[in-house]
Every structure is written in C-alpha cells, then in structure tokens.
C-alpha atoms as a PDB file:
ATOM      1  CA  UNK A   1      97.782  53.539 173.621  1.00  0.00           C
ATOM      2  CA  UNK A   2     100.012  50.845 174.757  1.00  0.00           C
ATOM      3  CA  UNK A   3     102.981  49.395 172.316  1.00  0.00           C
ATOM      4  CA  UNK A   4     103.571  45.774 172.244  1.00  0.00           C
ATOM      5  CA  UNK A   5     107.051  44.953 170.632  1.00  0.00           C
ATOM      6  CA  UNK A   6     106.988  41.390 171.699  1.00  0.00           C
ATOM      7  CA  UNK A   7     109.457  40.220 174.796  1.00  0.00           C
ATOM      8  CA  UNK A   8     110.498  42.199 177.189  1.00  0.00           C
ATOM      9  CA  UNK A   9     113.544  41.169 177.446  1.00  0.00           C
ATOM     10  CA  UNK A  10     116.761  43.430 175.530  1.00  0.00           C
ATOM     11  CA  UNK A  11     117.389  42.521 172.121  1.00  0.00           C
ATOM     12  CA  UNK A  12     120.961  42.097 170.221  1.00  0.00           C
ATOM     13  CA  UNK A  13     122.255  43.377 167.182  1.00  0.00           C
ATOM     14  CA  UNK A  14     124.800  43.150 165.171  1.00  0.00           C
ATOM     15  CA  UNK A  15     125.777  45.742 162.109  1.00  0.00           C
ATOM     16  CA  UNK A  16     128.946  46.414 160.075  1.00  0.00           C
ATOM     17  CA  UNK A  17     130.549  49.666 159.853  1.00  0.00           C
ATOM     18  CA  UNK A  18     133.242  51.145 158.276  1.00  0.00           C
ATOM     19  CA  UNK A  19     136.506  51.169 159.656  1.00  0.00           C
ATOM     20  CA  UNK A  20     140.008  51.819 159.115  1.00  0.00           C
ATOM     21  CA  UNK A  21     143.804  51.376 160.712  1.00  0.00           C
ATOM     22  CA  UNK A  22     145.271  54.238 162.132  1.00  0.00           C
ATOM     23  CA  UNK A  23     148.034  55.886 160.752  1.00  0.00           C
ATOM     24  CA  UNK A  24     150.365  58.702 161.083  1.00  0.00           C
ATOM     25  CA  UNK A  25     151.407  61.487 158.164  1.00  0.00           C
ATOM     26  CA  UNK A  26     155.216  62.422 158.569  1.00  0.00           C
ATOM     27  CA  UNK A  27     156.017  65.768 157.593  1.00  0.00           C
ATOM     28  CA  UNK A  28     159.923  66.543 156.638  1.00  0.00           C
ATOM     29  CA  UNK A  29     160.373  70.591 156.463  1.00  0.00           C
ATOM     30  CA  UNK A  30     164.084  72.924 157.023  1.00  0.00           C
ATOM     31  CA  UNK A  31     163.368  75.824 159.274  1.00  0.00           C
ATOM     32  CA  UNK A  32     166.181  78.130 157.820  1.00  0.00           C
ATOM     33  CA  UNK A  33     166.471  80.889 160.130  1.00  0.00           C
ATOM     34  CA  UNK A  34     168.340  80.727 163.370  1.00  0.00           C
ATOM     35  CA  UNK A  35     165.159  80.957 166.223  1.00  0.00           C
ATOM     36  CA  UNK A  36     162.272  78.774 167.018  1.00  0.00           C
ATOM     37  CA  UNK A  37     159.198  79.033 164.987  1.00  0.00           C
ATOM     38  CA  UNK A  38     155.741  78.618 165.071  1.00  0.00           C
ATOM     39  CA  UNK A  39     153.453  77.161 162.541  1.00  0.00           C
ATOM     40  CA  UNK A  40     150.311  75.622 161.310  1.00  0.00           C
ATOM     41  CA  UNK A  41     149.891  71.794 159.223  1.00  0.00           C
ATOM     42  CA  UNK A  42     146.822  72.056 156.984  1.00  0.00           C
ATOM     43  CA  UNK A  43     146.380  68.239 155.403  1.00  0.00           C
ATOM     44  CA  UNK A  44     143.751  67.900 152.571  1.00  0.00           C
ATOM     45  CA  UNK A  45     142.284  64.772 150.565  1.00  0.00           C
ATOM     46  CA  UNK A  46     141.079  64.513 147.253  1.00  0.00           C
ATOM     47  CA  UNK A  47     140.091  62.251 144.722  1.00  0.00           C
ATOM     48  CA  UNK A  48     142.963  62.359 142.122  1.00  0.00           C
ATOM     49  CA  UNK A  49     140.491  61.090 139.065  1.00  0.00           C
ATOM     50  CA  UNK A  50     136.992  61.928 138.058  1.00  0.00           C
ATOM     51  CA  UNK A  51     134.444  58.856 136.934  1.00  0.00           C
ATOM     52  CA  UNK A  52     136.266  58.657 133.573  1.00  0.00           C
ATOM     53  CA  UNK A  53     140.068  58.019 134.404  1.00  0.00           C
ATOM     54  CA  UNK A  54     140.556  61.423 133.598  1.00  0.00           C
ATOM     55  CA  UNK A  55     142.733  63.887 136.225  1.00  0.00           C
ATOM     56  CA  UNK A  56     140.223  66.712 137.454  1.00  0.00           C
ATOM     57  CA  UNK A  57     141.646  69.965 136.971  1.00  0.00           C
ATOM     58  CA  UNK A  58     142.436  71.256 140.169  1.00  0.00           C
ATOM     59  CA  UNK A  59     139.904  74.697 140.311  1.00  0.00           C
ATOM     60  CA  UNK A  60     137.285  71.916 140.284  1.00  0.00           C
ATOM     61  CA  UNK A  61     139.271  69.605 142.303  1.00  0.00           C
ATOM     62  CA  UNK A  62     139.671  72.281 145.248  1.00  0.00           C
ATOM     63  CA  UNK A  63     135.755  71.826 145.601  1.00  0.00           C
ATOM     64  CA  UNK A  64     136.493  68.028 146.639  1.00  0.00           C
ATOM     65  CA  UNK A  65     139.068  68.593 149.253  1.00  0.00           C
ATOM     66  CA  UNK A  66     138.300  67.509 152.822  1.00  0.00           C
ATOM     67  CA  UNK A  67     139.928  68.978 155.475  1.00  0.00           C
ATOM     68  CA  UNK A  68     141.854  65.896 156.876  1.00  0.00           C
ATOM     69  CA  UNK A  69     143.821  67.525 160.263  1.00  0.00           C
ATOM     70  CA  UNK A  70     144.890  70.965 161.479  1.00  0.00           C
ATOM     71  CA  UNK A  71     147.099  71.142 164.292  1.00  0.00           C
ATOM     72  CA  UNK A  72     150.188  74.021 165.252  1.00  0.00           C
ATOM     73  CA  UNK A  73     153.528  73.197 165.492  1.00  0.00           C
ATOM     74  CA  UNK A  74     156.964  74.400 166.826  1.00  0.00           C
ATOM     75  CA  UNK A  75     160.047  74.290 163.921  1.00  0.00           C
ATOM     76  CA  UNK A  76     163.770  74.337 165.648  1.00  0.00           C
ATOM     77  CA  UNK A  77     166.016  75.776 163.139  1.00  0.00           C
ATOM     78  CA  UNK A  78     166.967  73.494 161.139  1.00  0.00           C
ATOM     79  CA  UNK A  79     165.632  70.059 159.693  1.00  0.00           C
ATOM     80  CA  UNK A  80     162.116  69.008 161.710  1.00  0.00           C
ATOM     81  CA  UNK A  81     160.464  65.811 161.162  1.00  0.00           C
ATOM     82  CA  UNK A  82     156.653  66.230 162.330  1.00  0.00           C
ATOM     83  CA  UNK A  83     154.537  63.455 162.839  1.00  0.00           C
ATOM     84  CA  UNK A  84     150.976  63.824 163.890  1.00  0.00           C
ATOM     85  CA  UNK A  85     148.528  60.772 164.498  1.00  0.00           C
ATOM     86  CA  UNK A  86     145.541  59.869 162.581  1.00  0.00           C
ATOM     87  CA  UNK A  87     143.786  59.704 166.138  1.00  0.00           C
ATOM     88  CA  UNK A  88     144.502  63.145 167.105  1.00  0.00           C
ATOM     89  CA  UNK A  89     142.553  64.523 163.720  1.00  0.00           C
ATOM     90  CA  UNK A  90     141.140  68.183 164.703  1.00  0.00           C
ATOM     91  CA  UNK A  91     138.054  66.830 162.628  1.00  0.00           C
ATOM     92  CA  UNK A  92     137.085  64.170 164.086  1.00  0.00           C
ATOM     93  CA  UNK A  93     136.475  62.463 167.693  1.00  0.00           C
ATOM     94  CA  UNK A  94     137.942  59.885 170.040  1.00  0.00           C
ATOM     95  CA  UNK A  95     135.513  58.237 171.507  1.00  0.00           C
ATOM     96  CA  UNK A  96     131.366  58.638 171.969  1.00  0.00           C
ATOM     97  CA  UNK A  97     129.197  56.619 174.327  1.00  0.00           C
ATOM     98  CA  UNK A  98     127.480  53.205 173.238  1.00  0.00           C
ATOM     99  CA  UNK A  99     123.601  53.487 173.760  1.00  0.00           C
ATOM    100  CA  UNK A 100     123.881  51.168 176.690  1.00  0.00           C
ATOM    101  CA  UNK A 101     125.594  54.027 178.666  1.00  0.00           C
ATOM    102  CA  UNK A 102     123.347  56.037 177.455  1.00  0.00           C
ATOM    103  CA  UNK A 103     120.837  54.258 179.168  1.00  0.00           C
ATOM    104  CA  UNK A 104     122.894  54.388 182.323  1.00  0.00           C
ATOM    105  CA  UNK A 105     122.513  58.589 182.015  1.00  0.00           C
ATOM    106  CA  UNK A 106     126.497  57.957 181.482  1.00  0.00           C
ATOM    107  CA  UNK A 107     125.814  61.785 179.322  1.00  0.00           C
ATOM    108  CA  UNK A 108     124.228  63.690 181.584  1.00  0.00           C
ATOM    109  CA  UNK A 109     127.537  65.282 183.031  1.00  0.00           C
ATOM    110  CA  UNK A 110     128.576  65.709 179.769  1.00  0.00           C
ATOM    111  CA  UNK A 111     128.820  68.755 177.586  1.00  0.00           C
ATOM    112  CA  UNK A 112     126.767  67.749 174.347  1.00  0.00           C
ATOM    113  CA  UNK A 113     129.485  69.167 172.125  1.00  0.00           C
ATOM    114  CA  UNK A 114     131.728  67.163 173.111  1.00  0.00           C
ATOM    115  CA  UNK A 115     130.401  64.371 170.027  1.00  0.00           C
ATOM    116  CA  UNK A 116     130.214  66.615 167.263  1.00  0.00           C
ATOM    117  CA  UNK A 117     131.506  65.462 163.934  1.00  0.00           C
ATOM    118  CA  UNK A 118     132.707  62.061 163.988  1.00  0.00           C
ATOM    119  CA  UNK A 119     135.044  59.309 165.374  1.00  0.00           C
ATOM    120  CA  UNK A 120     138.145  58.934 163.855  1.00  0.00           C
ATOM    121  CA  UNK A 121     137.703  55.297 162.442  1.00  0.00           C
ATOM    122  CA  UNK A 122     135.708  57.500 159.771  1.00  0.00           C
ATOM    123  CA  UNK A 123     138.138  60.235 158.535  1.00  0.00           C
ATOM    124  CA  UNK A 124     138.953  58.567 155.426  1.00  0.00           C
ATOM    125  CA  UNK A 125     136.884  57.322 152.147  1.00  0.00           C
ATOM    126  CA  UNK A 126     135.619  54.195 151.803  1.00  0.00           C
ATOM    127  CA  UNK A 127     138.164  53.745 148.718  1.00  0.00           C
ATOM    128  CA  UNK A 128     137.860  51.091 145.627  1.00  0.00           C
ATOM    129  CA  UNK A 129     137.452  47.349 145.398  1.00  0.00           C
ATOM    130  CA  UNK A 130     137.678  45.362 142.468  1.00  0.00           C
ATOM    131  CA  UNK A 131     133.860  45.075 142.064  1.00  0.00           C
ATOM    132  CA  UNK A 132     134.330  48.307 141.076  1.00  0.00           C
ATOM    133  CA  UNK A 133     131.106  49.491 139.291  1.00  0.00           C
ATOM    134  CA  UNK A 134     133.070  52.499 137.402  1.00  0.00           C
ATOM    135  CA  UNK A 135     133.544  52.449 133.927  1.00  0.00           C
ATOM    136  CA  UNK A 136     137.498  52.872 134.562  1.00  0.00           C
ATOM    137  CA  UNK A 137     140.336  50.334 135.257  1.00  0.00           C
ATOM    138  CA  UNK A 138     141.828  52.558 137.714  1.00  0.00           C
ATOM    139  CA  UNK A 139     139.393  51.938 140.456  1.00  0.00           C
ATOM    140  CA  UNK A 140     140.511  48.746 140.106  1.00  0.00           C
ATOM    141  CA  UNK A 141     143.542  49.275 142.161  1.00  0.00           C
ATOM    142  CA  UNK A 142     142.108  51.368 144.699  1.00  0.00           C
ATOM    143  CA  UNK A 143     141.362  54.772 144.739  1.00  0.00           C
ATOM    144  CA  UNK A 144     143.820  57.448 143.667  1.00  0.00           C
ATOM    145  CA  UNK A 145     144.070  60.560 145.834  1.00  0.00           C
ATOM    146  CA  UNK A 146     145.898  63.714 146.152  1.00  0.00           C
ATOM    147  CA  UNK A 147     147.338  64.458 149.766  1.00  0.00           C
ATOM    148  CA  UNK A 148     147.882  68.085 150.191  1.00  0.00           C
ATOM    149  CA  UNK A 149     149.800  69.320 153.021  1.00  0.00           C
ATOM    150  CA  UNK A 150     149.760  73.082 154.008  1.00  0.00           C
ATOM    151  CA  UNK A 151     152.732  74.671 156.234  1.00  0.00           C
ATOM    152  CA  UNK A 152     152.255  78.717 157.036  1.00  0.00           C
ATOM    153  CA  UNK A 153     152.088  80.832 160.252  1.00  0.00           C
ATOM    154  CA  UNK A 154     150.657  80.316 162.565  1.00  0.00           C
ATOM    155  CA  UNK A 155     147.430  81.776 162.921  1.00  0.00           C
ATOM    156  CA  UNK A 156     145.243  78.270 164.652  1.00  0.00           C
ATOM    157  CA  UNK A 157     145.378  78.307 168.220  1.00  0.00           C
ATOM    158  CA  UNK A 158     145.827  75.007 169.944  1.00  0.00           C
ATOM    159  CA  UNK A 159     142.814  74.717 172.685  1.00  0.00           C
ATOM    160  CA  UNK A 160     144.394  73.399 175.903  1.00  0.00           C
ATOM    161  CA  UNK A 161     144.614  69.850 176.751  1.00  0.00           C
ATOM    162  CA  UNK A 162     143.047  70.782 180.178  1.00  0.00           C
ATOM    163  CA  UNK A 163     139.629  71.741 178.609  1.00  0.00           C
ATOM    164  CA  UNK A 164     136.746  69.226 179.066  1.00  0.00           C
ATOM    165  CA  UNK A 165     136.265  69.292 174.763  1.00  0.00           C
ATOM    166  CA  UNK A 166     139.423  69.441 172.341  1.00  0.00           C
ATOM    167  CA  UNK A 167     137.905  67.304 169.853  1.00  0.00           C
ATOM    168  CA  UNK A 168     137.085  67.790 166.642  1.00  0.00           C
ATOM    169  CA  UNK A 169     137.746  71.668 166.334  1.00  0.00           C
ATOM    170  CA  UNK A 170     138.070  72.468 162.615  1.00  0.00           C
ATOM    171  CA  UNK A 171     134.266  71.832 162.261  1.00  0.00           C
ATOM    172  CA  UNK A 172     132.408  72.165 165.322  1.00  0.00           C
ATOM    173  CA  UNK A 173     134.398  74.955 166.541  1.00  0.00           C
ATOM    174  CA  UNK A 174     135.135  75.327 170.752  1.00  0.00           C
ATOM    175  CA  UNK A 175     131.862  75.992 172.952  1.00  0.00           C
ATOM    176  CA  UNK A 176     132.068  79.932 174.537  1.00  0.00           C
ATOM    177  CA  UNK A 177     135.354  80.738 172.682  1.00  0.00           C
ATOM    178  CA  UNK A 178     136.160  82.283 169.780  1.00  0.00           C
ATOM    179  CA  UNK A 179     137.128  80.131 166.580  1.00  0.00           C
ATOM    180  CA  UNK A 180     140.397  78.838 166.911  1.00  0.00           C
ATOM    181  CA  UNK A 181     141.180  79.531 163.175  1.00  0.00           C
ATOM    182  CA  UNK A 182     141.927  83.171 162.056  1.00  0.00           C
ATOM    183  CA  UNK A 183     141.693  81.773 158.710  1.00  0.00           C
ATOM    184  CA  UNK A 184     138.952  81.097 156.428  1.00  0.00           C
ATOM    185  CA  UNK A 185     137.782  77.427 156.487  1.00  0.00           C
ATOM    186  CA  UNK A 186     139.077  75.735 153.575  1.00  0.00           C
ATOM    187  CA  UNK A 187     142.221  77.767 153.185  1.00  0.00           C
ATOM    188  CA  UNK A 188     144.020  78.059 150.615  1.00  0.00           C
ATOM    189  CA  UNK A 189     141.794  75.996 148.878  1.00  0.00           C
ATOM    190  CA  UNK A 190     138.677  78.656 149.677  1.00  0.00           C
ATOM    191  CA  UNK A 191     139.609  80.533 146.624  1.00  0.00           C
ATOM    192  CA  UNK A 192     139.560  81.088 142.950  1.00  0.00           C
ATOM    193  CA  UNK A 193     142.576  79.052 141.674  1.00  0.00           C
ATOM    194  CA  UNK A 194     143.876  79.860 137.739  1.00  0.00           C
ATOM    195  CA  UNK A 195     146.726  77.643 137.654  1.00  0.00           C
ATOM    196  CA  UNK A 196     146.044  74.609 135.654  1.00  0.00           C
ATOM    197  CA  UNK A 197     147.453  71.595 137.994  1.00  0.00           C
ATOM    198  CA  UNK A 198     149.081  71.142 141.411  1.00  0.00           C
ATOM    199  CA  UNK A 199     152.606  71.915 139.860  1.00  0.00           C
ATOM    200  CA  UNK A 200     151.746  75.306 138.642  1.00  0.00           C
ATOM    201  CA  UNK A 201     149.971  76.321 142.465  1.00  0.00           C
ATOM    202  CA  UNK A 202     152.224  74.947 144.845  1.00  0.00           C
ATOM    203  CA  UNK A 203     154.594  77.411 146.930  1.00  0.00           C
ATOM    204  CA  UNK A 204     157.692  76.042 148.597  1.00  0.00           C
ATOM    205  CA  UNK A 205     156.202  75.346 151.860  1.00  0.00           C
ATOM    206  CA  UNK A 206     153.037  72.998 149.682  1.00  0.00           C
ATOM    207  CA  UNK A 207     153.562  69.780 149.518  1.00  0.00           C
ATOM    208  CA  UNK A 208     151.370  67.235 147.114  1.00  0.00           C
ATOM    209  CA  UNK A 209     151.247  63.492 147.613  1.00  0.00           C
ATOM    210  CA  UNK A 210     149.854  60.507 145.841  1.00  0.00           C
ATOM    211  CA  UNK A 211     148.353  57.777 148.011  1.00  0.00           C
ATOM    212  CA  UNK A 212     145.828  54.727 147.189  1.00  0.00           C
ATOM    213  CA  UNK A 213     142.981  53.838 149.668  1.00  0.00           C
ATOM    214  CA  UNK A 214     141.830  50.315 149.477  1.00  0.00           C
ATOM    215  CA  UNK A 215     138.716  48.517 151.018  1.00  0.00           C
ATOM    216  CA  UNK A 216     138.768  44.991 152.263  1.00  0.00           C
ATOM    217  CA  UNK A 217     135.720  43.564 153.026  1.00  0.00           C
END
C-alpha cells in the first residue's frame, strides 16, 4: 500500500496553547519550639462559586480541589518565610521533548516515566474572560478561587535531586521506589467534612486565601 501525502518536504504548523506567567507562593509561619522542625506544605486550588454564583459548600468543594504542590520544609525557631516557585511544583514537569527531538532519537536514553504529567505552564486553570457564557456576573471579573494551604508534620519524603526523575512526584510516583508520601492522596481533603465552611474547618496550621485568575488572549 502506497500512501502519498503530497510534498515529501517538512511541514511547518503553528498552534496556540495555554500558558501562564510563573508565580511564587509566599507562606509565613512561626515555629514556637526551640528546635528545628521538619514539615510538609500541601497546596490545593478550587473554584469559589458554582455556575449560579453561589459559594460552594465545603463538603462539595473538596471534590473540586486540585493539588497544586507538595514539598518539605525546614522551620527554624521563630518566624519563617517559605517561598516556593510554581516551576518547582510536584505535580508538573519542567520540560519535555519537541517532535523534532523525538525524531532524532533524543529520548532513547531517557526513562519514559520522566515525562508523566503536564508541563508547569499548564498548572493553572484558564480563568475567565469578559465573554463569559455563565449567567453569573461574577465571571466578568475573573475566576474566583480558594487557595488552601496546610503545614503539617513531615510525612512526605523528598527525593534527591541527583535522581534522573524528580518531577511530578505527587501524581506519577517514583519508578522502583515507594510512593514518597505516607498520607493518602488529597489529604486532608480526602475524607468527609462536616464543617459548612472554611472558617469551621480550619486549624492553626491551615490557611485559605482568595485569588482571582484572569485570562488574556
């Protein structure tokens, strides 16, 4: 069978894809003890309102929370400021090969698990524009979200940077190793929540911030 697709030369195509500026999480916390403490920061994102503009009940909203990052921290006695770049997220990968590089066999020596998950340029939802189709007027100002942060004991085992693969550990695990987190995926939002809102649910090691995501074409 002979397939003829026309010109034998290369074909160039241009396509559009979502992207966003890199950003950083800045978390301020206080270690009231007199010794160094090890902890784990867990970050989640969820929409604040439903399609009618009503605030989503927490027990329903927990199903919409997506994990944005998970990482270990060292906390000195006293006040600590933790800064985490979105490019270091444990749920995305930092780079991948182009089709041209694949054609030249540049992936043959690589561990295929290295490319699990999506690029960190796709870690945020698209957001909203003024041309929003929702009946709610809230969408005209952007996509309103809750950013939920938890700082707890260290149950998350950091993977040495010297390993061949240390991206997207939250969703993709580490080849030939135990899953680096002793807690269930989605913890602490993986259980029934009787609280009606965040104010009733939060403990001193938790924080919720309001953020707005806007899309620019």
